[in-house]
Amino acid sequence: METEEITIRVDTEAARAYRAASEQERRKLDLLLSLHLHDALHPSGSLQDLMRELSRKAQLRGLTPEILETAGKWQGEFERPEQGEYERREPL
């Protein structure tokens, strides 16, 4: 993906955190901001379109169906009881 540098205004704390981040963390933040800007300026149409785009982006980042399946199992480790508090469950 071709990139271009821009200047944006953020709050002081965000600027400080970005400057303190490692080069690898800054690259990740750059990508995240780029995706959010793109999504904000070009909102997708249907839910199906959004799901296809998320799947494509996940695959580009190396997320395989196996990894996503494992992540889904981890998500199941926490369950919301009626009282609204989270309690730990055994992994599947």
C-alpha atoms as a PDB file:
ATOM      1  CA  MET A   1       0.000   0.000   0.000  1.00  0.00           C
ATOM      2  CA  GLU A   2       1.363   3.379  -0.962  1.00  0.00           C
ATOM      3  CA  THR A   3       1.383   5.919   1.855  1.00  0.00           C
ATOM      4  CA  GLU A   4       1.626   9.671   2.097  1.00  0.00           C
ATOM      5  CA  GLU A   5       2.510  11.777   5.114  1.00  0.00           C
ATOM      6  CA  ILE A   6      -0.068  14.276   6.432  1.00  0.00           C
ATOM      7  CA  THR A   7      -0.342  16.467   9.524  1.00  0.00           C
ATOM      8  CA  ILE A   8      -3.327  16.174  11.850  1.00  0.00           C
ATOM      9  CA  ARG A   9      -4.165  17.886  15.134  1.00  0.00           C
ATOM     10  CA  VAL A  10      -4.613  15.659  18.184  1.00  0.00           C
ATOM     11  CA  ASP A  11      -4.759  16.346  21.900  1.00  0.00           C
ATOM     12  CA  THR A  12      -1.494  16.766  23.817  1.00  0.00           C
ATOM     13  CA  GLU A  13      -1.687  13.366  25.514  1.00  0.00           C
ATOM     14  CA  ALA A  14      -2.193  11.537  22.205  1.00  0.00           C
ATOM     15  CA  ALA A  15       0.734  13.411  20.636  1.00  0.00           C
ATOM     16  CA  ARG A  16       2.971  12.594  23.594  1.00  0.00           C
ATOM     17  CA  ALA A  17       2.018   8.897  23.492  1.00  0.00           C
ATOM     18  CA  TYR A  18       2.616   8.709  19.730  1.00  0.00           C
ATOM     19  CA  ARG A  19       6.060  10.286  20.028  1.00  0.00           C
ATOM     20  CA  ALA A  20       6.978   7.919  22.875  1.00  0.00           C
ATOM     21  CA  ALA A  21       5.874   4.815  20.917  1.00  0.00           C
ATOM     22  CA  SER A  22       8.387   2.540  19.222  1.00  0.00           C
ATOM     23  CA  GLU A  23       8.744   2.682  15.442  1.00  0.00           C
ATOM     24  CA  GLN A  24       6.768  -0.563  15.134  1.00  0.00           C
ATOM     25  CA  GLU A  25       3.971   0.778  17.362  1.00  0.00           C
ATOM     26  CA  ARG A  26       3.865   4.026  15.326  1.00  0.00           C
ATOM     27  CA  ARG A  27       3.492   2.041  12.078  1.00  0.00           C
ATOM     28  CA  LYS A  28       0.566   0.158  13.613  1.00  0.00           C
ATOM     29  CA  LEU A  29      -1.011   3.414  14.788  1.00  0.00           C
ATOM     30  CA  ASP A  30      -0.484   4.959  11.344  1.00  0.00           C
ATOM     31  CA  LEU A  31      -2.313   2.034   9.734  1.00  0.00           C
ATOM     32  CA  LEU A  32      -5.110   2.186  12.284  1.00  0.00           C
ATOM     33  CA  LEU A  33      -5.596   5.927  11.771  1.00  0.00           C
ATOM     34  CA  SER A  34      -5.504   5.491   8.003  1.00  0.00           C
ATOM     35  CA  LEU A  35      -8.225   2.833   8.161  1.00  0.00           C
ATOM     36  CA  HIS A  36     -10.381   4.964  10.451  1.00  0.00           C
ATOM     37  CA  LEU A  37     -10.010   8.015   8.213  1.00  0.00           C
ATOM     38  CA  HIS A  38     -10.872   5.965   5.150  1.00  0.00           C
ATOM     39  CA  ASP A  39     -13.912   4.438   6.838  1.00  0.00           C
ATOM     40  CA  ALA A  40     -15.099   7.847   8.076  1.00  0.00           C
ATOM     41  CA  LEU A  41     -14.765   9.433   4.634  1.00  0.00           C
ATOM     42  CA  HIS A  42     -16.057   6.469   2.620  1.00  0.00           C
ATOM     43  CA  PRO A  43     -18.700   4.695   4.699  1.00  0.00           C
ATOM     44  CA  SER A  44     -19.503   1.275   3.356  1.00  0.00           C
ATOM     45  CA  GLY A  45     -22.923   0.310   2.098  1.00  0.00           C
ATOM     46  CA  SER A  46     -24.444  -2.877   3.365  1.00  0.00           C
ATOM     47  CA  LEU A  47     -23.502  -5.100   6.275  1.00  0.00           C
ATOM     48  CA  GLN A  48     -22.469  -7.728   3.728  1.00  0.00           C
ATOM     49  CA  ASP A  49     -20.053  -5.236   2.120  1.00  0.00           C
ATOM     50  CA  LEU A  50     -18.632  -4.358   5.520  1.00  0.00           C
ATOM     51  CA  MET A  51     -18.127  -8.020   6.409  1.00  0.00           C
ATOM     52  CA  ARG A  52     -16.373  -8.679   3.084  1.00  0.00           C
ATOM     53  CA  GLU A  53     -14.072  -5.693   3.616  1.00  0.00           C
ATOM     54  CA  LEU A  54     -13.234  -6.709   7.190  1.00  0.00           C
ATOM     55  CA  SER A  55     -12.487 -10.238   6.014  1.00  0.00           C
ATOM     56  CA  ARG A  56     -10.230  -8.936   3.254  1.00  0.00           C
ATOM     57  CA  LYS A  57      -8.339  -6.670   5.669  1.00  0.00           C
ATOM     58  CA  ALA A  58      -7.960  -9.500   8.184  1.00  0.00           C
ATOM     59  CA  GLN A  59      -6.507 -11.791   5.519  1.00  0.00           C
ATOM     60  CA  LEU A  60      -4.089  -9.066   4.389  1.00  0.00           C
ATOM     61  CA  ARG A  61      -2.878  -8.844   7.984  1.00  0.00           C
ATOM     62  CA  GLY A  62      -2.297 -12.589   8.138  1.00  0.00           C
ATOM     63  CA  LEU A  63      -5.359 -13.540  10.171  1.00  0.00           C
ATOM     64  CA  THR A  64      -6.250 -17.023   9.053  1.00  0.00           C
ATOM     65  CA  PRO A  65      -9.604 -18.726   9.709  1.00  0.00           C
ATOM     66  CA  GLU A  66      -7.797 -20.878  12.307  1.00  0.00           C
ATOM     67  CA  ILE A  67      -6.571 -17.809  14.208  1.00  0.00           C
ATOM     68  CA  LEU A  68     -10.020 -16.241  14.104  1.00  0.00           C
ATOM     69  CA  GLU A  69     -11.589 -19.473  15.346  1.00  0.00           C
ATOM     70  CA  THR A  70      -9.154 -19.542  18.281  1.00  0.00           C
ATOM     71  CA  ALA A  71      -9.930 -15.895  19.054  1.00  0.00           C
ATOM     72  CA  GLY A  72     -13.622 -16.751  19.127  1.00  0.00           C
ATOM     73  CA  LYS A  73     -12.951 -19.478  21.693  1.00  0.00           C
ATOM     74  CA  TRP A  74     -11.010 -17.006  23.865  1.00  0.00           C
ATOM     75  CA  GLN A  75     -13.909 -14.585  23.680  1.00  0.00           C
ATOM     76  CA  GLY A  76     -16.089 -17.308  25.165  1.00  0.00           C
ATOM     77  CA  GLU A  77     -13.964 -17.373  28.333  1.00  0.00           C
ATOM     78  CA  PHE A  78     -15.975 -14.451  29.728  1.00  0.00           C
ATOM     79  CA  GLU A  79     -19.695 -14.513  30.256  1.00  0.00           C
ATOM     80  CA  ARG A  80     -21.935 -11.683  31.403  1.00  0.00           C
ATOM     81  CA  PRO A  81     -24.158 -12.807  34.267  1.00  0.00           C
ATOM     82  CA  GLU A  82     -27.488 -11.102  34.873  1.00  0.00           C
ATOM     83  CA  GLN A  83     -25.952  -8.751  37.448  1.00  0.00           C
ATOM     84  CA  GLY A  84     -23.799  -7.213  34.694  1.00  0.00           C
ATOM     85  CA  GLU A  85     -20.460  -8.360  36.113  1.00  0.00           C
ATOM     86  CA  TYR A  86     -18.044 -10.610  34.244  1.00  0.00           C
ATOM     87  CA  GLU A  87     -16.983 -13.931  35.629  1.00  0.00           C
ATOM     88  CA  ARG A  88     -14.247 -16.249  34.366  1.00  0.00           C
ATOM     89  CA  ARG A  89     -15.180 -19.502  32.631  1.00  0.00           C
ATOM     90  CA  GLU A  90     -12.958 -22.355  31.583  1.00  0.00           C
ATOM     91  CA  PRO A  91     -11.753 -22.166  27.945  1.00  0.00           C
ATOM     92  CA  LEU A  92     -13.474 -24.451  25.446  1.00  0.00           C
END
